[in-house]
Amino acid sequence: MDMRERIGAALKDAMKSRDAARLSTLRLINAAIKDKDIALRGEGGDATVGDAEVLGILGRMVKQRQESVRAYEEGGRLELAEKEQAEIGVIEEFLPRQLSPEEVQAAIAAAIAGTGATSIRDMGRVMAALKAKYTGQMDFGAVGPMVKDRLG
């Protein structure tokens, strides 16, 4: 079952169970995927996004909501922070398990060895290898500096 089918099935289940909060989040996910489909059609590309692109969309949605949670907590709007946190929970159901810090370090070491990287100039190749294999499983914003430290 691909990502679109899983999200569609979850949407139907949320409708049947009348879970308004979950339904709202699933509709937002569907809308984001459809927006990407439309953007690809405008570029003359394939009409639908694949699972890897869906994972990227979901990852961005989680990151946006984490930033919102921080902002709401700093502003003392805890009810809004809780709502965003609940949306993160729904979105993360469709993301693969996040790697532990030890697994991230091992993945970086394997990618460096696999690409034959020896200097900071090879960082792009290492990051591309990591993104190809671990999309949705690690925060690449945090991984970039780790790779840079290993190569630099």
C-alpha atoms as a PDB file:
ATOM      1  CA  MET A   1       0.000   0.000   0.000  1.00  0.00           C
ATOM      2  CA  ASP A   2       1.562   3.294  -1.053  1.00  0.00           C
ATOM      3  CA  MET A   3       1.479   6.496   0.993  1.00  0.00           C
ATOM      4  CA  ARG A   4      -1.525   8.000  -0.815  1.00  0.00           C
ATOM      5  CA  GLU A   5      -3.587   4.862  -0.178  1.00  0.00           C
ATOM      6  CA  ARG A   6      -2.592   4.790   3.507  1.00  0.00           C
ATOM      7  CA  ILE A   7      -3.533   8.442   3.930  1.00  0.00           C
ATOM      8  CA  GLY A   8      -6.806   7.908   2.054  1.00  0.00           C
ATOM      9  CA  ALA A   9      -7.691   4.915   4.228  1.00  0.00           C
ATOM     10  CA  ALA A  10      -6.905   6.878   7.379  1.00  0.00           C
ATOM     11  CA  LEU A  11      -9.059   9.748   6.094  1.00  0.00           C
ATOM     12  CA  LYS A  12     -12.022   7.407   5.601  1.00  0.00           C
ATOM     13  CA  ASP A  13     -11.525   5.903   9.063  1.00  0.00           C
ATOM     14  CA  ALA A  14     -11.451   9.391  10.611  1.00  0.00           C
ATOM     15  CA  MET A  15     -14.677  10.275   8.791  1.00  0.00           C
ATOM     16  CA  LYS A  16     -16.382   7.101  10.012  1.00  0.00           C
ATOM     17  CA  SER A  17     -15.256   7.613  13.601  1.00  0.00           C
ATOM     18  CA  ARG A  18     -16.121  11.357  13.459  1.00  0.00           C
ATOM     19  CA  ASP A  19     -12.666  12.317  14.729  1.00  0.00           C
ATOM     20  CA  ALA A  20     -12.690  15.980  13.682  1.00  0.00           C
ATOM     21  CA  ALA A  21      -9.119  16.845  14.736  1.00  0.00           C
ATOM     22  CA  ARG A  22      -7.599  13.852  12.948  1.00  0.00           C
ATOM     23  CA  LEU A  23      -9.793  14.429   9.891  1.00  0.00           C
ATOM     24  CA  SER A  24      -8.681  18.047   9.671  1.00  0.00           C
ATOM     25  CA  THR A  25      -4.992  17.088   9.762  1.00  0.00           C
ATOM     26  CA  LEU A  26      -5.444  14.336   7.167  1.00  0.00           C
ATOM     27  CA  ARG A  27      -7.211  16.804   4.874  1.00  0.00           C
ATOM     28  CA  LEU A  28      -4.267  19.190   5.254  1.00  0.00           C
ATOM     29  CA  ILE A  29      -1.907  16.365   4.259  1.00  0.00           C
ATOM     30  CA  ASN A  30      -4.035  15.558   1.201  1.00  0.00           C
ATOM     31  CA  ALA A  31      -4.143  19.230   0.214  1.00  0.00           C
ATOM     32  CA  ALA A  32      -0.349  19.538   0.458  1.00  0.00           C
ATOM     33  CA  ILE A  33       0.106  16.459  -1.739  1.00  0.00           C
ATOM     34  CA  LYS A  34      -2.388  17.739  -4.314  1.00  0.00           C
ATOM     35  CA  ASP A  35      -0.654  21.146  -4.348  1.00  0.00           C
ATOM     36  CA  LYS A  36       2.607  19.383  -5.196  1.00  0.00           C
ATOM     37  CA  ASP A  37       0.839  17.377  -7.930  1.00  0.00           C
ATOM     38  CA  ILE A  38      -0.455  20.603  -9.479  1.00  0.00           C
ATOM     39  CA  ALA A  39       2.982  22.235  -9.260  1.00  0.00           C
ATOM     40  CA  LEU A  40       4.546  19.238 -11.042  1.00  0.00           C
ATOM     41  CA  ARG A  41       1.945  19.363 -13.795  1.00  0.00           C
ATOM     42  CA  GLY A  42       2.750  23.033 -14.302  1.00  0.00           C
ATOM     43  CA  GLU A  43       6.416  22.143 -14.767  1.00  0.00           C
ATOM     44  CA  GLY A  44       5.507  19.488 -17.320  1.00  0.00           C
ATOM     45  CA  GLY A  45       6.597  16.669 -15.054  1.00  0.00           C
ATOM     46  CA  ASP A  46       4.857  13.505 -13.896  1.00  0.00           C
ATOM     47  CA  ALA A  47       1.289  14.234 -12.789  1.00  0.00           C
ATOM     48  CA  THR A  48       1.642  12.636  -9.346  1.00  0.00           C
ATOM     49  CA  VAL A  49       4.233  12.685  -6.618  1.00  0.00           C
ATOM     50  CA  GLY A  50       5.849   9.470  -5.435  1.00  0.00           C
ATOM     51  CA  ASP A  51       6.242   8.107  -1.938  1.00  0.00           C
ATOM     52  CA  ALA A  52       9.651   9.753  -1.452  1.00  0.00           C
ATOM     53  CA  GLU A  53       8.198  13.172  -2.258  1.00  0.00           C
ATOM     54  CA  VAL A  54       5.228  12.504   0.044  1.00  0.00           C
ATOM     55  CA  LEU A  55       7.689  11.716   2.848  1.00  0.00           C
ATOM     56  CA  GLY A  56       9.437  15.017   2.143  1.00  0.00           C
ATOM     57  CA  ILE A  57       6.119  16.885   2.298  1.00  0.00           C
ATOM     58  CA  LEU A  58       5.233  15.210   5.593  1.00  0.00           C
ATOM     59  CA  GLY A  59       8.669  16.005   7.009  1.00  0.00           C
ATOM     60  CA  ARG A  60       8.241  19.687   6.123  1.00  0.00           C
ATOM     61  CA  MET A  61       4.772  19.708   7.683  1.00  0.00           C
ATOM     62  CA  VAL A  62       6.163  18.305  10.949  1.00  0.00           C
ATOM     63  CA  LYS A  63       8.979  20.863  10.971  1.00  0.00           C
ATOM     64  CA  GLN A  64       6.502  23.740  10.400  1.00  0.00           C
ATOM     65  CA  ARG A  65       4.355  22.556  13.273  1.00  0.00           C
ATOM     66  CA  GLN A  66       7.334  22.156  15.601  1.00  0.00           C
ATOM     67  CA  GLU A  67       8.266  25.783  14.915  1.00  0.00           C
ATOM     68  CA  SER A  68       4.657  26.803  15.603  1.00  0.00           C
ATOM     69  CA  VAL A  69       4.659  24.877  18.896  1.00  0.00           C
ATOM     70  CA  ARG A  70       7.781  26.758  19.999  1.00  0.00           C
ATOM     71  CA  ALA A  71       6.263  30.103  19.026  1.00  0.00           C
ATOM     72  CA  TYR A  72       2.958  29.364  20.780  1.00  0.00           C
ATOM     73  CA  GLU A  73       4.709  28.195  23.942  1.00  0.00           C
ATOM     74  CA  GLU A  74       6.858  31.322  24.027  1.00  0.00           C
ATOM     75  CA  GLY A  75       3.712  33.406  23.552  1.00  0.00           C
ATOM     76  CA  GLY A  76       1.859  31.577  26.315  1.00  0.00           C
ATOM     77  CA  ARG A  77      -0.735  30.077  23.933  1.00  0.00           C
ATOM     78  CA  LEU A  78      -0.610  26.549  25.294  1.00  0.00           C
ATOM     79  CA  GLU A  79      -3.966  25.462  23.810  1.00  0.00           C
ATOM     80  CA  LEU A  80      -2.684  26.253  20.306  1.00  0.00           C
ATOM     81  CA  ALA A  81       0.623  24.517  21.054  1.00  0.00           C
ATOM     82  CA  GLU A  82      -1.293  21.390  22.097  1.00  0.00           C
ATOM     83  CA  LYS A  83      -3.328  21.487  18.869  1.00  0.00           C
ATOM     84  CA  GLU A  84      -0.141  21.690  16.793  1.00  0.00           C
ATOM     85  CA  GLN A  85       1.380  18.863  18.853  1.00  0.00           C
ATOM     86  CA  ALA A  86      -1.666  16.695  18.104  1.00  0.00           C
ATOM     87  CA  GLU A  87      -1.257  17.415  14.372  1.00  0.00           C
ATOM     88  CA  ILE A  88       2.396  16.387  14.595  1.00  0.00           C
ATOM     89  CA  GLY A  89       1.291  13.073  16.109  1.00  0.00           C
ATOM     90  CA  VAL A  90      -1.096  12.390  13.222  1.00  0.00           C
ATOM     91  CA  ILE A  91       1.482  13.305  10.566  1.00  0.00           C
ATOM     92  CA  GLU A  92       4.221  11.208  12.200  1.00  0.00           C
ATOM     93  CA  GLU A  93       2.035   8.092  11.901  1.00  0.00           C
ATOM     94  CA  PHE A  94       2.877   8.091   8.191  1.00  0.00           C
ATOM     95  CA  LEU A  95       6.599   8.767   8.597  1.00  0.00           C
ATOM     96  CA  PRO A  96       9.095   5.947   9.073  1.00  0.00           C
ATOM     97  CA  ARG A  97      10.674   5.523  12.499  1.00  0.00           C
ATOM     98  CA  GLN A  98      13.255   8.199  13.278  1.00  0.00           C
ATOM     99  CA  LEU A  99      16.824   6.957  13.648  1.00  0.00           C
ATOM    100  CA  SER A 100      18.501   7.153  17.054  1.00  0.00           C
ATOM    101  CA  PRO A 101      21.621   9.350  17.417  1.00  0.00           C
ATOM    102  CA  GLU A 102      23.815   6.241  17.281  1.00  0.00           C
ATOM    103  CA  GLU A 103      22.098   5.037  14.104  1.00  0.00           C
ATOM    104  CA  VAL A 104      22.523   8.498  12.541  1.00  0.00           C
ATOM    105  CA  GLN A 105      26.264   8.423  13.298  1.00  0.00           C
ATOM    106  CA  ALA A 106      26.546   4.936  11.800  1.00  0.00           C
ATOM    107  CA  ALA A 107      24.614   6.031   8.692  1.00  0.00           C
ATOM    108  CA  ILE A 108      26.918   9.037   8.252  1.00  0.00           C
ATOM    109  CA  ALA A 109      30.011   6.820   8.579  1.00  0.00           C
ATOM    110  CA  ALA A 110      28.583   4.355   6.051  1.00  0.00           C
ATOM    111  CA  ALA A 111      27.701   7.126   3.589  1.00  0.00           C
ATOM    112  CA  ILE A 112      31.177   8.647   3.858  1.00  0.00           C
ATOM    113  CA  ALA A 113      32.779   5.253   3.287  1.00  0.00           C
ATOM    114  CA  GLY A 114      30.363   4.376   0.482  1.00  0.00           C
ATOM    115  CA  THR A 115      30.974   7.602  -1.439  1.00  0.00           C
ATOM    116  CA  GLY A 116      34.721   7.634  -0.780  1.00  0.00           C
ATOM    117  CA  ALA A 117      34.455  11.163   0.635  1.00  0.00           C
ATOM    118  CA  THR A 118      37.684  12.587   1.972  1.00  0.00           C
ATOM    119  CA  SER A 119      37.131  16.346   2.239  1.00  0.00           C
ATOM    120  CA  ILE A 120      34.437  18.965   2.730  1.00  0.00           C
ATOM    121  CA  ARG A 121      34.137  19.191  -1.069  1.00  0.00           C
ATOM    122  CA  ASP A 122      32.504  15.749  -1.029  1.00  0.00           C
ATOM    123  CA  MET A 123      29.790  16.816   1.425  1.00  0.00           C
ATOM    124  CA  GLY A 124      27.161  17.137  -1.333  1.00  0.00           C
ATOM    125  CA  ARG A 125      27.672  13.532  -2.425  1.00  0.00           C
ATOM    126  CA  VAL A 126      27.450  12.283   1.168  1.00  0.00           C
ATOM    127  CA  MET A 127      24.255  14.262   1.838  1.00  0.00           C
ATOM    128  CA  ALA A 128      22.723  13.010  -1.434  1.00  0.00           C
ATOM    129  CA  ALA A 129      23.493   9.414  -0.437  1.00  0.00           C
ATOM    130  CA  LEU A 130      21.931   9.947   2.993  1.00  0.00           C
ATOM    131  CA  LYS A 131      18.816  11.586   1.535  1.00  0.00           C
ATOM    132  CA  ALA A 132      18.379   8.775  -0.977  1.00  0.00           C
ATOM    133  CA  LYS A 133      18.446   6.134   1.727  1.00  0.00           C
ATOM    134  CA  TYR A 134      17.073   7.840   4.862  1.00  0.00           C
ATOM    135  CA  THR A 135      14.412  10.320   3.700  1.00  0.00           C
ATOM    136  CA  GLY A 136      11.986  10.891   6.537  1.00  0.00           C
ATOM    137  CA  GLN A 137      14.124   9.022   9.052  1.00  0.00           C
ATOM    138  CA  MET A 138      16.508  11.792  10.098  1.00  0.00           C
ATOM    139  CA  ASP A 139      16.631  15.580  10.359  1.00  0.00           C
ATOM    140  CA  PHE A 140      18.982  16.624   7.574  1.00  0.00           C
ATOM    141  CA  GLY A 141      19.314  20.114   9.061  1.00  0.00           C
ATOM    142  CA  ALA A 142      21.001  18.538  12.067  1.00  0.00           C
ATOM    143  CA  VAL A 143      22.879  15.912  10.030  1.00  0.00           C
ATOM    144  CA  GLY A 144      24.588  18.480   7.770  1.00  0.00           C
ATOM    145  CA  PRO A 145      26.827  19.918  10.512  1.00  0.00           C
ATOM    146  CA  MET A 146      27.701  16.371  11.685  1.00  0.00           C
ATOM    147  CA  VAL A 147      28.847  15.435   8.172  1.00  0.00           C
ATOM    148  CA  LYS A 148      30.763  18.685   7.939  1.00  0.00           C
ATOM    149  CA  ASP A 149      32.563  17.937  11.227  1.00  0.00           C
ATOM    150  CA  ARG A 150      33.536  14.459  10.013  1.00  0.00           C
ATOM    151  CA  LEU A 151      34.828  15.723   6.676  1.00  0.00           C
ATOM    152  CA  GLY A 152      36.288  19.055   7.790  1.00  0.00           C
END
